[in-house]
Protein backbone atom coordinates (compact mmCIF):
# COMPACT_ATOMS: atom_id res chain seq x y z
CA MET A 1 18.46 13.21 -8.46
CA ILE A 2 18.75 13.13 -12.47
CA LEU A 3 15.69 11.44 -13.80
CA SER A 4 17.39 8.86 -15.77
CA ASP A 5 19.18 7.86 -12.59
CA HIS A 6 16.02 7.74 -10.62
CA PHE A 7 14.51 5.58 -13.27
CA LYS A 8 17.35 3.00 -13.03
CA GLN A 9 17.23 3.04 -9.20
CA VAL A 10 13.45 2.34 -8.99
CA ARG A 11 13.60 -0.31 -11.80
CA GLN A 12 16.47 -2.09 -10.06
CA HIS A 13 14.75 -2.05 -6.81
CA SER A 14 11.76 -4.22 -8.06
CA LEU A 15 14.33 -6.87 -9.30
CA ARG A 16 16.04 -6.82 -5.96
CA LEU A 17 12.77 -7.39 -4.14
CA ALA A 18 12.32 -10.74 -6.25
CA GLU A 19 15.86 -11.86 -5.68
CA PRO A 20 15.12 -13.88 -2.48
CA LEU A 21 12.27 -15.75 -4.36
CA SER A 22 12.26 -18.90 -6.52
CA GLU A 23 10.87 -19.00 -9.90
CA GLU A 24 7.87 -20.89 -8.54
CA ASP A 25 7.31 -18.21 -5.94
CA CYS A 26 7.35 -15.50 -8.68
CA GLY A 27 4.63 -17.37 -10.83
CA ALA A 28 2.14 -18.17 -8.15
CA GLN A 29 -1.13 -16.25 -7.26
CA SER A 30 -2.57 -16.92 -3.75
CA MET A 31 -5.85 -15.01 -4.28
CA PRO A 32 -7.71 -12.88 -6.81
CA ASP A 33 -6.87 -9.65 -4.94
CA ALA A 34 -3.15 -10.58 -5.20
CA SER A 35 -0.83 -10.95 -8.10
CA PRO A 36 2.12 -12.90 -8.95
CA VAL A 37 5.63 -11.36 -8.57
CA LYS A 38 6.27 -12.07 -12.39
CA TRP A 39 2.99 -10.27 -13.26
CA HIS A 40 4.01 -7.03 -11.21
CA LEU A 41 7.38 -7.13 -12.89
CA ALA A 42 5.77 -7.20 -16.23
CA HIS A 43 2.89 -4.98 -15.50
CA THR A 44 5.12 -2.06 -14.30
CA THR A 45 7.19 -2.58 -17.63
CA TRP A 46 3.99 -2.49 -19.61
CA PHE A 47 3.14 0.76 -18.23
CA PHE A 48 6.38 2.40 -19.63
CA GLU A 49 5.93 0.70 -22.97
CA THR A 50 2.36 1.49 -23.52
CA PHE A 51 2.18 5.00 -22.15
CA ILE A 52 5.59 6.20 -23.02
CA LEU A 53 7.19 4.25 -25.83
CA GLU A 54 4.11 3.61 -27.89
CA ALA A 55 3.39 7.43 -27.73
CA LEU A 56 6.95 8.96 -28.09
CA GLU A 57 9.37 6.36 -29.56
CA PRO A 58 10.06 6.67 -33.26
CA ASP A 59 9.07 3.58 -35.15
CA PHE A 60 7.65 2.07 -32.12
CA THR A 61 7.39 -1.90 -32.17
CA PRO A 62 6.11 -3.78 -29.09
CA PHE A 63 8.35 -6.30 -27.42
CA HIS A 64 5.55 -8.90 -27.82
CA PRO A 65 2.14 -7.90 -29.23
CA ALA A 66 0.30 -10.29 -26.68
CA PHE A 67 1.67 -8.45 -23.68
CA ARG A 68 -0.58 -5.50 -24.33
CA VAL A 69 -3.44 -7.62 -23.16
CA LEU A 70 -1.65 -10.00 -20.77
CA PHE A 71 -0.25 -7.15 -18.62
CA ASN A 72 -3.05 -4.68 -18.74
CA SER A 73 -4.49 -4.27 -15.29
CA TYR A 74 -7.61 -2.14 -15.50
CA TYR A 75 -7.16 0.32 -18.26
CA ASN A 76 -10.40 -0.03 -20.47
CA GLY A 77 -9.00 2.88 -22.61
CA VAL A 78 -6.16 0.72 -23.69
CA GLY A 79 -8.14 -2.40 -24.71
CA ASP A 80 -8.74 -5.92 -23.55
CA LYS A 81 -7.43 -7.37 -20.31
CA HIS A 82 -6.54 -10.90 -19.04
CA PRO A 83 -8.81 -11.83 -16.17
CA ARG A 84 -7.18 -10.74 -12.95
CA ALA A 85 -7.94 -13.95 -10.98
CA GLN A 86 -6.09 -15.96 -13.80
CA ARG A 87 -2.80 -14.18 -13.60
CA GLY A 88 -1.34 -17.11 -11.74
CA LEU A 89 -2.18 -19.47 -14.60
CA LEU A 90 0.18 -17.58 -16.89
CA THR A 91 3.17 -19.87 -16.98
CA ARG A 92 4.36 -18.29 -20.08
CA PRO A 93 6.01 -15.85 -20.50
CA ASP A 94 8.50 -17.35 -18.07
CA LEU A 95 10.38 -15.25 -15.51
CA ALA A 96 13.51 -14.96 -17.90
CA GLN A 97 11.42 -13.54 -20.66
CA VAL A 98 9.78 -11.10 -18.25
CA ARG A 99 13.26 -9.94 -17.22
CA ALA A 100 14.25 -9.60 -20.92
CA TYR A 101 11.20 -7.73 -21.40
CA ARG A 102 12.13 -5.28 -18.48
CA HIS A 103 15.69 -4.97 -19.92
CA ASP A 104 14.47 -4.18 -23.42
CA VAL A 105 12.02 -1.49 -22.35
CA ASP A 106 14.42 0.05 -19.83
CA ALA A 107 17.10 0.38 -22.57
CA ARG A 108 14.58 2.03 -24.89
CA ILE A 109 13.42 4.40 -22.11
CA VAL A 110 16.97 5.37 -21.41
CA ARG A 111 17.68 6.00 -25.15
CA LEU A 112 14.52 8.08 -25.47
CA LEU A 113 15.62 10.21 -22.38
CA ALA A 114 18.99 10.88 -24.21
CA SER A 115 17.41 11.74 -27.48
CA GLU A 116 16.55 15.23 -28.88
CA LEU A 117 12.91 15.78 -28.48
CA PRO A 118 10.61 18.79 -29.06
CA ARG A 119 10.04 20.67 -25.67
CA SER A 120 6.40 19.68 -25.53
CA GLU A 121 7.33 15.99 -25.98
CA ARG A 122 10.16 16.38 -23.56
CA GLU A 123 7.80 17.73 -20.77
CA ARG A 124 5.29 14.90 -21.57
CA LEU A 125 8.06 12.28 -21.24
CA SER A 126 9.23 13.63 -17.93
CA MET A 127 5.66 13.76 -16.63
CA LEU A 128 4.83 10.23 -17.66
CA LEU A 129 8.10 8.81 -16.51
CA VAL A 130 7.70 10.10 -12.99
CA LEU A 131 4.08 8.94 -12.94
CA GLY A 132 5.34 5.52 -14.10
CA LEU A 133 8.05 5.47 -11.36
CA GLU A 134 5.37 6.39 -8.66
CA HIS A 135 3.25 3.56 -10.10
CA GLU A 136 5.99 1.12 -9.86
CA GLN A 137 6.67 2.01 -6.20
CA GLN A 138 3.03 1.27 -5.52
CA HIS A 139 3.68 -2.07 -7.12
CA GLN A 140 6.82 -2.69 -5.00
CA GLU A 141 4.77 -2.49 -1.83
CA LEU A 142 1.90 -4.69 -3.46
CA LEU A 143 4.64 -7.19 -4.50
CA LEU A 144 5.82 -7.57 -0.85
CA THR A 145 2.17 -7.81 0.61
CA ASP A 146 1.29 -10.26 -2.09
CA VAL A 147 4.31 -12.39 -1.39
CA LYS A 148 3.55 -12.48 2.24
CA HIS A 149 0.12 -13.68 1.61
CA LEU A 150 1.47 -16.34 -0.82
CA LEU A 151 4.08 -17.66 1.62
CA ALA A 152 1.57 -17.71 4.41
CA GLN A 153 -0.40 -20.38 2.57
CA SER A 154 2.44 -22.95 3.06
CA PRO A 155 2.62 -25.04 6.10
CA LEU A 156 6.29 -24.60 5.96
CA PHE A 157 6.03 -20.87 6.62
CA PRO A 158 8.70 -19.94 4.39
CA VAL A 159 11.11 -17.00 5.06
CA TYR A 160 11.12 -14.21 2.62
CA LEU A 161 14.18 -12.61 4.28
CA GLU A 162 16.11 -13.59 7.40
CA THR A 163 15.42 -11.22 10.25
CA VAL A 164 18.17 -8.87 11.37
CA ALA A 165 18.49 -8.44 15.13
CA VAL A 166 17.66 -4.94 15.91
CA ALA A 167 17.37 -3.50 19.52
CA GLN A 168 13.66 -2.62 20.19
CA PRO A 169 12.95 0.33 22.51
CA GLY A 170 11.23 -0.27 25.79
CA SER A 171 7.30 -0.28 25.86
CA VAL A 172 5.90 3.27 25.60
CA ALA A 173 2.33 4.02 26.64
CA SER A 174 0.20 5.84 24.07
CA GLU A 175 -1.34 9.09 25.13
CA TRP A 176 -3.93 11.49 23.85
CA LEU A 177 -2.72 14.52 21.97
CA ALA A 178 -5.03 17.45 21.48
CA PHE A 179 -5.49 19.46 18.24
CA GLU A 180 -7.46 22.67 18.00
CA GLY A 181 -8.82 22.11 14.63
CA GLY A 182 -10.39 24.99 12.64
CA LEU A 183 -10.23 25.79 9.06
CA THR A 184 -7.39 23.98 7.48
CA ASP A 185 -6.18 23.32 3.89
CA ILE A 186 -6.43 19.76 2.85
CA GLY A 187 -4.61 18.19 -0.10
CA HIS A 188 -1.32 18.39 -1.86
CA THR A 189 0.64 21.66 -1.48
CA GLY A 190 1.97 21.74 -4.96
CA ASP A 191 5.55 20.91 -4.08
CA GLY A 192 6.79 17.79 -5.97
CA PHE A 193 4.77 14.94 -7.24
CA CYS A 194 1.19 13.83 -6.30
CA PHE A 195 -1.44 11.71 -7.68
CA ASP A 196 -4.60 13.38 -8.98
CA ASN A 197 -6.75 12.06 -5.98
CA GLU A 198 -4.84 14.42 -3.65
CA LEU A 199 -6.02 17.38 -5.63
CA PRO A 200 -7.25 20.17 -5.56
CA ARG A 201 -6.14 21.59 -2.24
CA HIS A 202 -9.19 22.89 -0.54
CA ARG A 203 -10.28 24.40 2.80
CA GLN A 204 -12.15 22.29 5.26
CA TYR A 205 -13.43 22.87 8.91
CA VAL A 206 -12.12 20.35 11.48
CA ALA A 207 -13.63 20.37 14.89
CA PRO A 208 -11.29 20.00 17.88
CA PHE A 209 -10.22 16.41 18.28
CA GLU A 210 -7.54 14.28 19.91
CA LEU A 211 -5.37 11.56 18.50
CA ALA A 212 -3.48 8.73 20.05
CA SER A 213 0.25 9.20 20.04
CA CYS A 214 0.99 5.64 18.98
CA LEU A 215 -0.69 2.89 16.95
CA VAL A 216 -2.84 0.20 18.65
CA THR A 217 -0.41 -2.60 19.76
CA ASN A 218 -0.71 -6.44 19.47
CA GLY A 219 -1.09 -6.34 23.17
CA ASP A 220 -3.98 -3.93 23.06
CA TYR A 221 -5.69 -6.00 20.28
CA LEU A 222 -5.10 -9.21 22.25
CA ASP A 223 -7.14 -7.68 25.07
CA PHE A 224 -9.94 -7.00 22.65
CA ILE A 225 -9.81 -10.62 21.53
CA GLU A 226 -9.89 -12.01 24.98
CA ALA A 227 -12.67 -9.62 26.08
CA GLY A 228 -14.74 -11.32 23.41
CA GLY A 229 -14.42 -8.67 20.69
CA TYR A 230 -14.93 -11.10 17.82
CA ARG A 231 -18.16 -12.55 19.59
CA THR A 232 -19.84 -9.19 20.40
CA ALA A 233 -22.15 -8.11 17.59
CA SER A 234 -22.85 -4.75 19.26
CA LEU A 235 -19.31 -3.56 18.48
CA TRP A 236 -19.35 -4.18 14.78
CA LEU A 237 -20.88 -2.46 11.79
CA SER A 238 -23.71 -4.66 10.40
CA GLU A 239 -21.75 -5.69 7.18
CA GLY A 240 -18.77 -6.17 9.34
CA TRP A 241 -20.62 -8.59 11.65
CA ASP A 242 -21.66 -10.52 8.87
CA TRP A 243 -18.07 -10.59 7.43
CA VAL A 244 -16.86 -11.94 10.74
CA ARG A 245 -19.54 -14.57 11.09
CA ASN A 246 -19.32 -15.83 7.43
CA GLN A 247 -15.65 -16.25 7.54
CA HIS A 248 -15.48 -17.62 11.25
CA LEU A 249 -12.95 -15.05 12.06
CA THR A 250 -11.42 -14.82 15.55
CA CYS A 251 -8.13 -12.89 15.12
CA PRO A 252 -6.21 -10.85 12.69
CA LEU A 253 -4.77 -12.41 9.51
CA TYR A 254 -1.34 -14.14 10.13
CA TRP A 255 -2.09 -14.66 13.85
CA GLN A 256 -2.32 -18.18 15.13
CA GLN A 257 -2.06 -19.94 18.56
CA GLY A 258 0.50 -22.62 19.12
CA GLU A 259 -0.27 -25.78 21.02
CA ASP A 260 1.04 -24.30 24.15
CA GLY A 261 -1.57 -21.48 23.78
CA ARG A 262 1.06 -18.84 22.92
CA TRP A 263 0.39 -16.48 20.06
CA LEU A 264 2.46 -16.39 16.82
CA GLU A 265 2.53 -14.04 13.94
CA PHE A 266 3.58 -14.97 10.36
CA THR A 267 5.81 -12.25 8.96
CA LEU A 268 8.08 -11.72 5.95
CA HIS A 269 10.71 -13.16 8.34
CA GLY A 270 8.72 -16.35 8.93
CA LEU A 271 6.59 -17.41 11.84
CA GLN A 272 7.50 -15.45 14.96
CA PRO A 273 6.35 -15.21 18.52
CA LEU A 274 3.76 -12.32 18.69
CA ASP A 275 5.32 -9.13 19.98
CA LEU A 276 2.77 -7.58 22.20
CA ARG A 277 4.59 -4.09 21.82
CA GLN A 278 4.50 -3.90 18.05
CA PRO A 279 1.57 -2.38 16.12
CA ALA A 280 -1.24 -4.59 15.35
CA THR A 281 -1.47 -4.91 11.55
CA HIS A 282 -3.20 -6.70 8.76
CA LEU A 283 -6.51 -5.43 10.10
CA SER A 284 -9.62 -4.64 8.04
CA LEU A 285 -11.65 -1.52 8.48
CA PHE A 286 -14.21 -3.72 10.12
CA GLU A 287 -11.78 -4.77 12.69
CA ALA A 288 -10.28 -1.41 13.21
CA ASP A 289 -13.79 0.17 13.73
CA ALA A 290 -15.08 -2.70 15.99
CA TYR A 291 -11.70 -2.05 18.14
CA ALA A 292 -12.24 1.63 18.37
CA HIS A 293 -15.73 1.17 19.58
CA TRP A 294 -14.57 -1.29 22.19
CA ALA A 295 -11.92 1.22 23.38
CA GLY A 296 -14.47 3.98 23.75
CA ALA A 297 -12.95 5.94 20.82
CA ARG A 298 -13.28 6.15 17.03
CA LEU A 299 -11.13 6.14 13.82
CA PRO A 300 -9.91 9.62 12.71
CA THR A 301 -11.18 11.28 9.53
CA GLU A 302 -8.58 11.77 6.80
CA ALA A 303 -8.85 15.52 7.32
CA GLU A 304 -7.99 15.13 10.99
CA TRP A 305 -5.12 12.72 10.27
CA GLU A 306 -3.54 15.20 7.49
CA LEU A 307 -3.98 18.10 9.92
CA ALA A 308 -2.12 16.36 12.68
CA ALA A 309 0.57 14.86 10.20
CA HIS A 310 1.50 18.15 8.55
CA ASP A 311 4.80 18.70 10.27
CA VAL A 312 5.62 15.08 11.02
CA ALA A 313 8.83 13.72 9.37
CA VAL A 314 8.27 10.85 6.97
CA GLN A 315 10.20 7.72 7.90
CA THR A 316 10.84 4.54 5.97
CA GLY A 317 10.07 0.98 7.44
CA SER A 318 11.91 -2.15 7.20
CA LEU A 319 9.36 -5.20 6.31
CA HIS A 320 7.58 -5.24 9.70
CA PRO A 321 6.11 -2.55 11.92
CA ALA A 322 8.42 -1.60 14.85
CA VAL A 323 7.79 -0.81 18.50
CA ALA A 324 7.06 2.96 19.36
CA GLY A 325 10.16 4.87 20.53
CA SER A 326 10.38 6.92 23.72
CA VAL A 327 9.76 10.42 22.13
CA ASP A 328 7.17 13.09 22.45
CA GLY A 329 4.40 13.92 20.08
CA LEU A 330 2.86 11.77 17.36
CA GLN A 331 4.69 8.46 16.61
CA GLN A 332 4.43 5.85 13.99
CA MET A 333 2.66 7.91 11.50
CA PHE A 334 4.72 6.78 8.67
CA GLY A 335 6.81 3.63 7.87
CA HIS A 336 4.82 1.23 10.09
CA CYS A 337 1.16 0.59 9.23
CA TRP A 338 -1.19 2.44 6.91
CA GLN A 339 -4.01 3.84 9.21
CA TRP A 340 -7.75 3.35 8.55
CA THR A 341 -9.75 6.39 8.60
CA SER A 342 -13.66 6.79 8.78
CA SER A 343 -13.63 8.73 5.44
CA SER A 344 -15.03 7.18 2.28
CA TYR A 345 -12.69 7.47 -0.65
CA ALA A 346 -14.47 10.19 -2.58
CA PRO A 347 -13.39 13.10 -4.93
CA TYR A 348 -12.10 16.34 -3.37
CA PRO A 349 -14.37 19.42 -4.31
CA GLY A 350 -13.31 20.31 -7.82
CA TYR A 351 -11.63 17.09 -8.68
CA ARG A 352 -11.24 16.28 -12.34
CA PRO A 353 -9.66 13.03 -13.64
CA ALA A 354 -7.10 13.29 -16.40
CA ALA A 355 -8.06 12.85 -19.91
CA GLY A 356 -7.61 9.34 -21.59
CA ALA A 357 -6.62 6.09 -20.15
CA LEU A 358 -4.44 7.56 -17.55
CA GLY A 359 -7.75 9.17 -16.08
CA GLU A 360 -8.63 5.65 -14.96
CA TYR A 361 -5.81 5.62 -12.56
CA ASN A 362 -7.74 6.76 -9.50
CA GLY A 363 -11.07 8.31 -10.05
CA LYS A 364 -13.12 5.25 -11.27
CA PHE A 365 -12.38 3.65 -7.81
CA MET A 366 -14.02 6.29 -5.81
CA LEU A 367 -17.00 4.06 -4.62
CA ASN A 368 -17.28 1.42 -1.81
CA GLN A 369 -13.65 2.06 -0.45
CA TYR A 370 -12.21 3.73 2.60
CA VAL A 371 -9.11 6.00 2.87
CA LEU A 372 -6.01 4.98 4.65
CA ARG A 373 -3.32 7.41 5.50
CA GLY A 374 0.39 7.43 6.32
CA SER A 375 2.63 4.52 4.87
CA SER A 376 3.74 1.06 5.83
CA CYS A 377 6.81 -0.76 6.61
CA ALA A 378 6.73 -2.05 2.96
CA THR A 379 6.31 1.51 1.40
CA PRO A 380 9.37 2.41 -0.62
CA ALA A 381 11.58 5.29 0.58
CA GLY A 382 10.54 8.51 -0.88
CA HIS A 383 6.93 7.56 -1.78
CA ALA A 384 5.07 8.65 1.36
CA ARG A 385 3.68 12.17 2.16
CA ALA A 386 1.08 13.70 4.43
CA SER A 387 -1.43 14.20 1.61
CA TYR A 388 -1.17 10.53 0.04
CA ARG A 389 -4.59 8.91 -0.03
CA ASN A 390 -4.45 5.16 -0.07
CA PHE A 391 -7.74 3.21 -0.51
CA PHE A 392 -9.11 -0.27 0.07
CA PRO A 393 -12.42 -1.97 0.47
CA ALA A 394 -13.75 -2.31 4.18
CA GLY A 395 -12.87 -6.01 4.27
CA ALA A 396 -9.24 -5.80 2.85
CA ARG A 397 -6.62 -6.93 5.40
CA TRP A 398 -3.67 -8.38 3.54
CA GLN A 399 -2.10 -4.97 3.46
CA PHE A 400 -0.11 -3.53 6.47
CA ALA A 401 -2.96 -1.65 7.83
CA GLY A 402 -3.33 -0.75 11.55
CA ILE A 403 -5.32 1.45 13.93
CA ARG A 404 -4.69 5.04 15.22
CA LEU A 405 -7.44 6.10 17.71
CA ALA A 406 -9.22 9.41 17.68
CA ARG A 407 -11.84 11.02 19.87
């Protein structure tokens, strides 16, 4: 696809994600880890204005000088930032001005793409534009998970999008699939885009292992709950047990029991009966690890996961994890839930962050985080690949994160 067309497509998709929402929905922030929709729309625009227009546009003038601070996320090399936990207090600019900001920057980027530039600047523009689009796709997924968390705070249980009736396949039992392991190359192959944390590709030894063919289901996880999983300290990492006890947790995020004892799950389609066949999702690393111990298994390492996923076709989801189909081999590797691994988020051997503010994109977060692999039902089409390294703290569970067992 021509780069200018891809730019327009990605930018329009962000606006389409906001269409089902009210202006009030777009300005609210449900917790410090989440951001308002309005902020996502503005910050992704800020990225193009700050890293492309400011560097390459002749006679650059910012759309609004204050936006440089208001919509900076974590780039210390750019300057000051508005406090993350206070993004929901920004009633101004309003949504209309944020849309105008996007329109202005988009038009200027398109003009820059059509202009005559020296070869070095043209190559830099292409590199930065692709990075900005991948960055925006990350925020498209965050926008959906942040919206879900926001809507879940209302006793009205608002619907983001009405569910479309889709025939679900019959229940499929997960089975163990064996992998020989051995010396294998891990990391991006060099074809197409990747983030710097996927490099350099390097050789690693992986012992023989097995992976479950399917993700852990709601029914599987309900068995864990009913067996006293949230009350059994021996199943949990020490920090995880403290986390459970301090927050008085008894089930996954978005689960609740009705007055008749039946389990319900809040989704982007509103409050729904819990489908026992669908993958259990919105689980923390602590919960995933405790379940794996209870099941007599463990979480895979990221090297095991990537080795197994090397030849698996990437699929795109549709706002909620779906039931596994009746096919052989690994299922639900992409397009359902991000899958926790036991691997700490750390640099690959020989990793070097990029110079300047863009070097802050990944490297400085390589501490106290764990790697998730695959993609989720909220991941945009074309954004997933086997080498992609997502990462979150062990207690994070507002993302679509699930469990694939290993042994």
